[in-house]
Amino acid sequence: MAMNEKHGKYVLSMGKRIRQYLEYVDEFLDNPPKDCDLQKEIERHLQQIAFFSHERFIHLIVMCLFAVGAVMTFLALAIETNLIVMLLLIMLLVLLVPYVRHYYLMENSVQTMYEQYDRMLAMTGDKVFKADYNKK
């Protein structure tokens, strides 16, 4: 957890926040409170999906830019061996690994949220689309 200097509060990293939210929704789906407004929970869940999808898209753009930069630096290194270009390539690759890891977390988490959303809709009693993950 990092301290937000402007507001004097502790803030969760995006990875921790998304994991905690997924756990919260799983707990909600496994043990739904009797007095909850299911429609309101569904709306909140859709809002969280939108937030995390936006975050996922931003990280996709950044990750792709780092990957393009790494490829261009590799090509420059292939044309002419240079210590500074080699160091730049190493730095880009070192930064690219966490971006790939974080994007992987975001992508899989949003996919899990889609499944949770389907489960929420099923709880309303409405006929909903049910994905068959074993079907090719």
N, C-alpha and C. Protein backbone atom coordinates (compact mmCIF):
# COMPACT_ATOMS: atom_id res chain seq x y z
N MET A 1 0.84 -1.17 0.00
CA MET A 1 0.00 0.00 0.00
C MET A 1 0.89 1.24 0.00
N ALA A 2 0.53 2.20 -0.80
CA ALA A 2 1.31 3.43 -0.90
C ALA A 2 0.53 4.59 -0.30
N MET A 3 1.28 5.54 0.24
CA MET A 3 0.65 6.72 0.83
C MET A 3 0.41 7.76 -0.26
N ASN A 4 -0.81 8.25 -0.35
CA ASN A 4 -1.14 9.32 -1.27
C ASN A 4 -0.85 10.63 -0.55
N GLU A 5 0.20 11.33 -0.98
CA GLU A 5 0.64 12.55 -0.31
C GLU A 5 -0.43 13.64 -0.34
N LYS A 6 -1.14 13.77 -1.43
CA LYS A 6 -2.11 14.84 -1.59
C LYS A 6 -3.26 14.73 -0.59
N HIS A 7 -3.75 13.51 -0.40
CA HIS A 7 -4.92 13.31 0.46
C HIS A 7 -4.57 12.69 1.81
N GLY A 8 -3.31 12.29 2.00
CA GLY A 8 -2.91 11.71 3.27
C GLY A 8 -3.56 10.38 3.57
N LYS A 9 -3.91 9.63 2.53
CA LYS A 9 -4.56 8.33 2.70
C LYS A 9 -3.69 7.25 2.07
N TYR A 10 -3.92 6.02 2.50
CA TYR A 10 -3.25 4.90 1.87
C TYR A 10 -4.10 4.43 0.70
N VAL A 11 -3.44 4.12 -0.39
CA VAL A 11 -4.14 3.66 -1.59
C VAL A 11 -3.66 2.27 -1.97
N LEU A 12 -4.58 1.45 -2.44
CA LEU A 12 -4.23 0.10 -2.89
C LEU A 12 -3.67 0.16 -4.30
N SER A 13 -2.76 -0.74 -4.58
CA SER A 13 -2.32 -0.86 -5.97
C SER A 13 -3.48 -1.45 -6.77
N MET A 14 -3.46 -1.24 -8.06
CA MET A 14 -4.55 -1.73 -8.90
C MET A 14 -4.67 -3.25 -8.80
N GLY A 15 -3.54 -3.94 -8.74
CA GLY A 15 -3.58 -5.40 -8.63
C GLY A 15 -4.28 -5.87 -7.36
N LYS A 16 -3.93 -5.24 -6.23
CA LYS A 16 -4.57 -5.61 -4.96
C LYS A 16 -6.05 -5.25 -4.98
N ARG A 17 -6.35 -4.09 -5.55
CA ARG A 17 -7.74 -3.64 -5.59
C ARG A 17 -8.60 -4.61 -6.39
N ILE A 18 -8.12 -5.03 -7.54
CA ILE A 18 -8.92 -5.92 -8.37
C ILE A 18 -9.07 -7.30 -7.72
N ARG A 19 -8.00 -7.79 -7.06
CA ARG A 19 -8.10 -9.08 -6.37
C ARG A 19 -9.11 -9.02 -5.24
N GLN A 20 -9.07 -7.92 -4.46
CA GLN A 20 -10.01 -7.77 -3.36
C GLN A 20 -11.44 -7.66 -3.87
N TYR A 21 -11.63 -6.96 -4.97
CA TYR A 21 -12.98 -6.83 -5.52
C TYR A 21 -13.51 -8.18 -6.01
N LEU A 22 -12.65 -8.95 -6.68
CA LEU A 22 -13.08 -10.27 -7.14
C LEU A 22 -13.47 -11.17 -5.96
N GLU A 23 -12.69 -11.11 -4.88
CA GLU A 23 -13.02 -11.88 -3.68
C GLU A 23 -14.35 -11.42 -3.09
N TYR A 24 -14.56 -10.11 -3.05
CA TYR A 24 -15.82 -9.56 -2.52
C TYR A 24 -17.02 -10.09 -3.32
N VAL A 25 -16.92 -10.05 -4.65
CA VAL A 25 -18.03 -10.49 -5.49
C VAL A 25 -18.23 -12.00 -5.37
N ASP A 26 -17.14 -12.76 -5.32
CA ASP A 26 -17.28 -14.21 -5.14
C ASP A 26 -17.99 -14.52 -3.82
N GLU A 27 -17.63 -13.82 -2.77
CA GLU A 27 -18.29 -14.01 -1.48
C GLU A 27 -19.76 -13.62 -1.58
N PHE A 28 -20.05 -12.53 -2.26
CA PHE A 28 -21.43 -12.09 -2.45
C PHE A 28 -22.23 -13.15 -3.20
N LEU A 29 -21.63 -13.73 -4.25
CA LEU A 29 -22.34 -14.72 -5.04
C LEU A 29 -22.53 -16.04 -4.28
N ASP A 30 -21.55 -16.39 -3.46
CA ASP A 30 -21.66 -17.63 -2.68
C ASP A 30 -22.63 -17.50 -1.52
N ASN A 31 -22.67 -16.32 -0.90
CA ASN A 31 -23.53 -16.08 0.26
C ASN A 31 -24.24 -14.73 0.11
N PRO A 32 -25.23 -14.65 -0.80
CA PRO A 32 -25.88 -13.36 -1.00
C PRO A 32 -26.70 -12.94 0.23
N PRO A 33 -26.55 -11.70 0.65
CA PRO A 33 -27.35 -11.22 1.77
C PRO A 33 -28.84 -11.24 1.39
N LYS A 34 -29.67 -11.53 2.34
CA LYS A 34 -31.11 -11.64 2.05
C LYS A 34 -31.75 -10.29 1.77
N ASP A 35 -31.20 -9.22 2.33
CA ASP A 35 -31.82 -7.90 2.19
C ASP A 35 -31.12 -7.02 1.15
N CYS A 36 -30.39 -7.62 0.22
CA CYS A 36 -29.66 -6.80 -0.75
C CYS A 36 -30.53 -6.50 -1.97
N ASP A 37 -30.23 -5.41 -2.60
CA ASP A 37 -30.88 -5.02 -3.85
C ASP A 37 -30.00 -5.56 -4.98
N LEU A 38 -30.41 -6.69 -5.54
CA LEU A 38 -29.60 -7.37 -6.56
C LEU A 38 -29.38 -6.49 -7.79
N GLN A 39 -30.40 -5.74 -8.19
CA GLN A 39 -30.25 -4.87 -9.36
C GLN A 39 -29.18 -3.82 -9.12
N LYS A 40 -29.15 -3.27 -7.90
CA LYS A 40 -28.14 -2.26 -7.57
C LYS A 40 -26.75 -2.88 -7.58
N GLU A 41 -26.61 -4.11 -7.08
CA GLU A 41 -25.31 -4.80 -7.09
C GLU A 41 -24.86 -5.08 -8.52
N ILE A 42 -25.80 -5.43 -9.37
CA ILE A 42 -25.47 -5.67 -10.78
C ILE A 42 -24.98 -4.38 -11.43
N GLU A 43 -25.66 -3.27 -11.15
CA GLU A 43 -25.23 -1.98 -11.70
C GLU A 43 -23.84 -1.61 -11.19
N ARG A 44 -23.59 -1.82 -9.91
CA ARG A 44 -22.26 -1.54 -9.36
C ARG A 44 -21.20 -2.40 -10.02
N HIS A 45 -21.55 -3.66 -10.25
CA HIS A 45 -20.59 -4.58 -10.87
C HIS A 45 -20.29 -4.14 -12.31
N LEU A 46 -21.31 -3.73 -13.03
CA LEU A 46 -21.08 -3.23 -14.39
C LEU A 46 -20.18 -2.00 -14.39
N GLN A 47 -20.34 -1.15 -13.38
CA GLN A 47 -19.48 0.03 -13.28
C GLN A 47 -18.04 -0.37 -13.02
N GLN A 48 -17.83 -1.36 -12.15
CA GLN A 48 -16.47 -1.84 -11.88
C GLN A 48 -15.87 -2.48 -13.12
N ILE A 49 -16.68 -3.22 -13.87
CA ILE A 49 -16.19 -3.81 -15.13
C ILE A 49 -15.72 -2.69 -16.06
N ALA A 50 -16.49 -1.62 -16.13
CA ALA A 50 -16.11 -0.50 -17.00
C ALA A 50 -14.79 0.13 -16.53
N PHE A 51 -14.65 0.33 -15.22
CA PHE A 51 -13.41 0.91 -14.68
C PHE A 51 -12.21 0.03 -15.02
N PHE A 52 -12.34 -1.27 -14.74
CA PHE A 52 -11.20 -2.17 -14.94
C PHE A 52 -10.94 -2.39 -16.43
N SER A 53 -11.97 -2.36 -17.25
CA SER A 53 -11.75 -2.48 -18.70
C SER A 53 -10.98 -1.28 -19.23
N HIS A 54 -11.29 -0.11 -18.73
CA HIS A 54 -10.55 1.09 -19.12
C HIS A 54 -9.08 0.96 -18.70
N GLU A 55 -8.86 0.54 -17.48
CA GLU A 55 -7.49 0.34 -16.97
C GLU A 55 -6.75 -0.69 -17.82
N ARG A 56 -7.45 -1.76 -18.18
CA ARG A 56 -6.85 -2.81 -19.02
C ARG A 56 -6.44 -2.23 -20.38
N PHE A 57 -7.30 -1.41 -20.96
CA PHE A 57 -7.01 -0.81 -22.27
C PHE A 57 -5.79 0.11 -22.20
N ILE A 58 -5.71 0.91 -21.15
CA ILE A 58 -4.56 1.81 -20.98
C ILE A 58 -3.28 0.99 -20.86
N HIS A 59 -3.32 -0.08 -20.08
CA HIS A 59 -2.12 -0.91 -19.92
C HIS A 59 -1.77 -1.65 -21.21
N LEU A 60 -2.75 -1.98 -22.01
CA LEU A 60 -2.47 -2.59 -23.31
C LEU A 60 -1.69 -1.61 -24.19
N ILE A 61 -2.13 -0.37 -24.21
CA ILE A 61 -1.45 0.65 -25.02
C ILE A 61 -0.01 0.84 -24.54
N VAL A 62 0.17 1.00 -23.24
CA VAL A 62 1.51 1.21 -22.69
C VAL A 62 2.40 0.00 -22.96
N MET A 63 1.85 -1.19 -22.75
CA MET A 63 2.63 -2.41 -22.98
C MET A 63 3.05 -2.51 -24.45
N CYS A 64 2.14 -2.20 -25.36
CA CYS A 64 2.48 -2.26 -26.79
C CYS A 64 3.55 -1.23 -27.15
N LEU A 65 3.46 -0.05 -26.56
CA LEU A 65 4.48 0.97 -26.83
C LEU A 65 5.85 0.53 -26.33
N PHE A 66 5.88 -0.07 -25.15
CA PHE A 66 7.16 -0.58 -24.64
C PHE A 66 7.68 -1.72 -25.53
N ALA A 67 6.79 -2.57 -26.01
CA ALA A 67 7.21 -3.68 -26.87
C ALA A 67 7.75 -3.14 -28.20
N VAL A 68 7.07 -2.17 -28.78
CA VAL A 68 7.55 -1.57 -30.03
C VAL A 68 8.90 -0.90 -29.80
N GLY A 69 9.02 -0.19 -28.69
CA GLY A 69 10.30 0.44 -28.36
C GLY A 69 11.41 -0.58 -28.20
N ALA A 70 11.10 -1.70 -27.57
CA ALA A 70 12.11 -2.75 -27.38
C ALA A 70 12.52 -3.35 -28.72
N VAL A 71 11.56 -3.59 -29.61
CA VAL A 71 11.87 -4.14 -30.93
C VAL A 71 12.71 -3.16 -31.74
N MET A 72 12.33 -1.88 -31.70
CA MET A 72 13.10 -0.88 -32.44
C MET A 72 14.52 -0.76 -31.90
N THR A 73 14.65 -0.83 -30.58
CA THR A 73 15.98 -0.76 -29.98
C THR A 73 16.80 -1.99 -30.34
N PHE A 74 16.15 -3.16 -30.38
CA PHE A 74 16.84 -4.38 -30.78
C PHE A 74 17.33 -4.27 -32.23
N LEU A 75 16.48 -3.73 -33.09
CA LEU A 75 16.89 -3.56 -34.49
C LEU A 75 18.05 -2.57 -34.61
N ALA A 76 18.00 -1.50 -33.84
CA ALA A 76 19.11 -0.54 -33.85
C ALA A 76 20.39 -1.20 -33.36
N LEU A 77 20.26 -2.08 -32.37
CA LEU A 77 21.42 -2.79 -31.85
C LEU A 77 21.95 -3.78 -32.88
N ALA A 78 21.05 -4.38 -33.67
CA ALA A 78 21.48 -5.32 -34.71
C ALA A 78 22.24 -4.60 -35.83
N ILE A 79 21.85 -3.36 -36.08
CA ILE A 79 22.52 -2.59 -37.14
C ILE A 79 23.90 -2.13 -36.67
N GLU A 80 23.94 -1.61 -35.45
CA GLU A 80 25.22 -1.11 -34.94
C GLU A 80 25.32 -1.39 -33.45
N THR A 81 26.35 -2.12 -33.06
CA THR A 81 26.56 -2.43 -31.65
C THR A 81 26.98 -1.18 -30.90
N ASN A 82 26.21 -0.89 -29.85
CA ASN A 82 26.47 0.33 -29.08
C ASN A 82 26.08 0.03 -27.64
N LEU A 83 26.95 0.37 -26.70
CA LEU A 83 26.70 0.07 -25.29
C LEU A 83 25.46 0.79 -24.77
N ILE A 84 25.26 2.04 -25.15
CA ILE A 84 24.10 2.80 -24.68
C ILE A 84 22.80 2.19 -25.21
N VAL A 85 22.78 1.78 -26.46
CA VAL A 85 21.59 1.16 -27.04
C VAL A 85 21.32 -0.19 -26.35
N MET A 86 22.39 -0.91 -26.03
CA MET A 86 22.24 -2.18 -25.34
C MET A 86 21.64 -1.96 -23.94
N LEU A 87 22.10 -0.95 -23.23
CA LEU A 87 21.54 -0.63 -21.91
C LEU A 87 20.08 -0.21 -22.02
N LEU A 88 19.75 0.56 -23.05
CA LEU A 88 18.36 0.95 -23.27
C LEU A 88 17.48 -0.27 -23.51
N LEU A 89 17.96 -1.21 -24.31
CA LEU A 89 17.21 -2.43 -24.56
C LEU A 89 16.98 -3.22 -23.27
N ILE A 90 18.00 -3.33 -22.46
CA ILE A 90 17.86 -4.05 -21.18
C ILE A 90 16.83 -3.36 -20.30
N MET A 91 16.89 -2.03 -20.23
CA MET A 91 15.91 -1.29 -19.41
C MET A 91 14.49 -1.48 -19.93
N LEU A 92 14.31 -1.42 -21.24
CA LEU A 92 12.97 -1.62 -21.81
C LEU A 92 12.44 -3.02 -21.52
N LEU A 93 13.31 -4.03 -21.65
CA LEU A 93 12.88 -5.40 -21.38
C LEU A 93 12.55 -5.61 -19.90
N VAL A 94 13.34 -4.97 -19.03
CA VAL A 94 13.07 -5.07 -17.60
C VAL A 94 11.71 -4.43 -17.26
N LEU A 95 11.39 -3.33 -17.91
CA LEU A 95 10.11 -2.67 -17.67
C LEU A 95 8.95 -3.39 -18.36
N LEU A 96 9.23 -4.05 -19.46
CA LEU A 96 8.18 -4.73 -20.20
C LEU A 96 7.61 -5.92 -19.42
N VAL A 97 8.46 -6.62 -18.69
CA VAL A 97 8.01 -7.80 -17.94
C VAL A 97 6.89 -7.46 -16.94
N PRO A 98 7.04 -6.43 -16.09
CA PRO A 98 5.93 -6.10 -15.19
C PRO A 98 4.67 -5.64 -15.92
N TYR A 99 4.84 -4.94 -17.05
CA TYR A 99 3.66 -4.54 -17.81
C TYR A 99 2.91 -5.75 -18.36
N VAL A 100 3.63 -6.73 -18.85
CA VAL A 100 2.98 -7.95 -19.35
C VAL A 100 2.27 -8.67 -18.20
N ARG A 101 2.94 -8.76 -17.06
CA ARG A 101 2.33 -9.41 -15.88
C ARG A 101 1.05 -8.69 -15.45
N HIS A 102 1.13 -7.36 -15.38
CA HIS A 102 -0.03 -6.60 -14.94
C HIS A 102 -1.17 -6.69 -15.95
N TYR A 103 -0.84 -6.63 -17.25
CA TYR A 103 -1.89 -6.75 -18.26
C TYR A 103 -2.54 -8.13 -18.20
N TYR A 104 -1.74 -9.15 -17.96
CA TYR A 104 -2.27 -10.51 -17.81
C TYR A 104 -3.27 -10.56 -16.66
N LEU A 105 -2.92 -9.95 -15.52
CA LEU A 105 -3.83 -9.90 -14.38
C LEU A 105 -5.11 -9.16 -14.75
N MET A 106 -4.97 -8.01 -15.40
CA MET A 106 -6.15 -7.22 -15.77
C MET A 106 -7.06 -7.98 -16.73
N GLU A 107 -6.48 -8.59 -17.74
CA GLU A 107 -7.28 -9.32 -18.74
C GLU A 107 -8.03 -10.47 -18.09
N ASN A 108 -7.33 -11.29 -17.32
CA ASN A 108 -8.00 -12.43 -16.70
C ASN A 108 -9.04 -12.01 -15.67
N SER A 109 -8.77 -10.92 -14.97
CA SER A 109 -9.72 -10.45 -13.97
C SER A 109 -11.00 -9.93 -14.61
N VAL A 110 -10.87 -9.19 -15.69
CA VAL A 110 -12.07 -8.69 -16.37
C VAL A 110 -12.87 -9.87 -16.94
N GLN A 111 -12.20 -10.88 -17.46
CA GLN A 111 -12.91 -12.06 -17.94
C GLN A 111 -13.67 -12.75 -16.79
N THR A 112 -13.04 -12.80 -15.63
CA THR A 112 -13.70 -13.37 -14.45
C THR A 112 -14.92 -12.53 -14.07
N MET A 113 -14.80 -11.22 -14.19
CA MET A 113 -15.94 -10.34 -13.88
C MET A 113 -17.11 -10.58 -14.82
N TYR A 114 -16.83 -10.89 -16.08
CA TYR A 114 -17.91 -11.23 -17.01
C TYR A 114 -18.66 -12.47 -16.52
N GLU A 115 -17.91 -13.46 -16.08
CA GLU A 115 -18.54 -14.68 -15.56
C GLU A 115 -19.36 -14.38 -14.30
N GLN A 116 -18.82 -13.51 -13.42
CA GLN A 116 -19.54 -13.13 -12.22
C GLN A 116 -20.84 -12.40 -12.59
N TYR A 117 -20.76 -11.56 -13.59
CA TYR A 117 -21.94 -10.84 -14.06
C TYR A 117 -23.01 -11.82 -14.55
N ASP A 118 -22.59 -12.84 -15.31
CA ASP A 118 -23.54 -13.86 -15.77
C ASP A 118 -24.19 -14.56 -14.58
N ARG A 119 -23.40 -14.84 -13.55
CA ARG A 119 -23.95 -15.48 -12.34
C ARG A 119 -24.95 -14.57 -11.64
N MET A 120 -24.65 -13.27 -11.60
CA MET A 120 -25.57 -12.32 -10.98
C MET A 120 -26.89 -12.27 -11.74
N LEU A 121 -26.80 -12.23 -13.07
CA LEU A 121 -28.02 -12.21 -13.87
C LEU A 121 -28.84 -13.47 -13.66
N ALA A 122 -28.15 -14.60 -13.53
CA ALA A 122 -28.86 -15.86 -13.29
C ALA A 122 -29.60 -15.82 -11.96
N MET A 123 -29.07 -15.09 -10.98
CA MET A 123 -29.72 -14.98 -9.67
C MET A 123 -31.03 -14.21 -9.75
N THR A 124 -31.20 -13.37 -10.79
CA THR A 124 -32.44 -12.61 -10.94
C THR A 124 -33.59 -13.49 -11.42
N GLY A 125 -33.25 -14.66 -11.94
CA GLY A 125 -34.28 -15.55 -12.46
C GLY A 125 -34.54 -15.37 -13.94
N ASP A 126 -33.94 -14.35 -14.52
CA ASP A 126 -34.09 -14.14 -15.96
C ASP A 126 -33.31 -15.19 -16.74
N LYS A 127 -33.79 -15.48 -17.92
CA LYS A 127 -33.05 -16.39 -18.78
C LYS A 127 -31.86 -15.61 -19.34
N VAL A 128 -30.67 -16.12 -19.10
CA VAL A 128 -29.45 -15.43 -19.51
C VAL A 128 -28.57 -16.34 -20.35
N PHE A 129 -27.70 -15.71 -21.11
CA PHE A 129 -26.71 -16.46 -21.88
C PHE A 129 -25.77 -17.17 -20.92
N LYS A 130 -25.51 -18.44 -21.18
CA LYS A 130 -24.57 -19.20 -20.37
C LYS A 130 -23.50 -19.71 -21.29
N ALA A 131 -22.28 -19.25 -21.07
CA ALA A 131 -21.15 -19.66 -21.90
C ALA A 131 -20.75 -21.09 -21.55
N ASP A 132 -20.51 -21.89 -22.58
CA ASP A 132 -20.03 -23.25 -22.38
C ASP A 132 -18.54 -23.25 -22.68
N TYR A 133 -17.73 -23.24 -21.60
CA TYR A 133 -16.28 -23.11 -21.77
C TYR A 133 -15.62 -24.40 -22.23
N ASN A 134 -16.36 -25.50 -22.25
CA ASN A 134 -15.81 -26.77 -22.73
C ASN A 134 -16.06 -26.97 -24.22
N LYS A 135 -16.94 -26.17 -24.79
CA LYS A 135 -17.30 -26.29 -26.20
C LYS A 135 -16.24 -25.61 -27.07
N LYS A 136 -15.91 -26.23 -28.19
CA LYS A 136 -14.91 -25.66 -29.10
C LYS A 136 -15.54 -24.78 -30.11
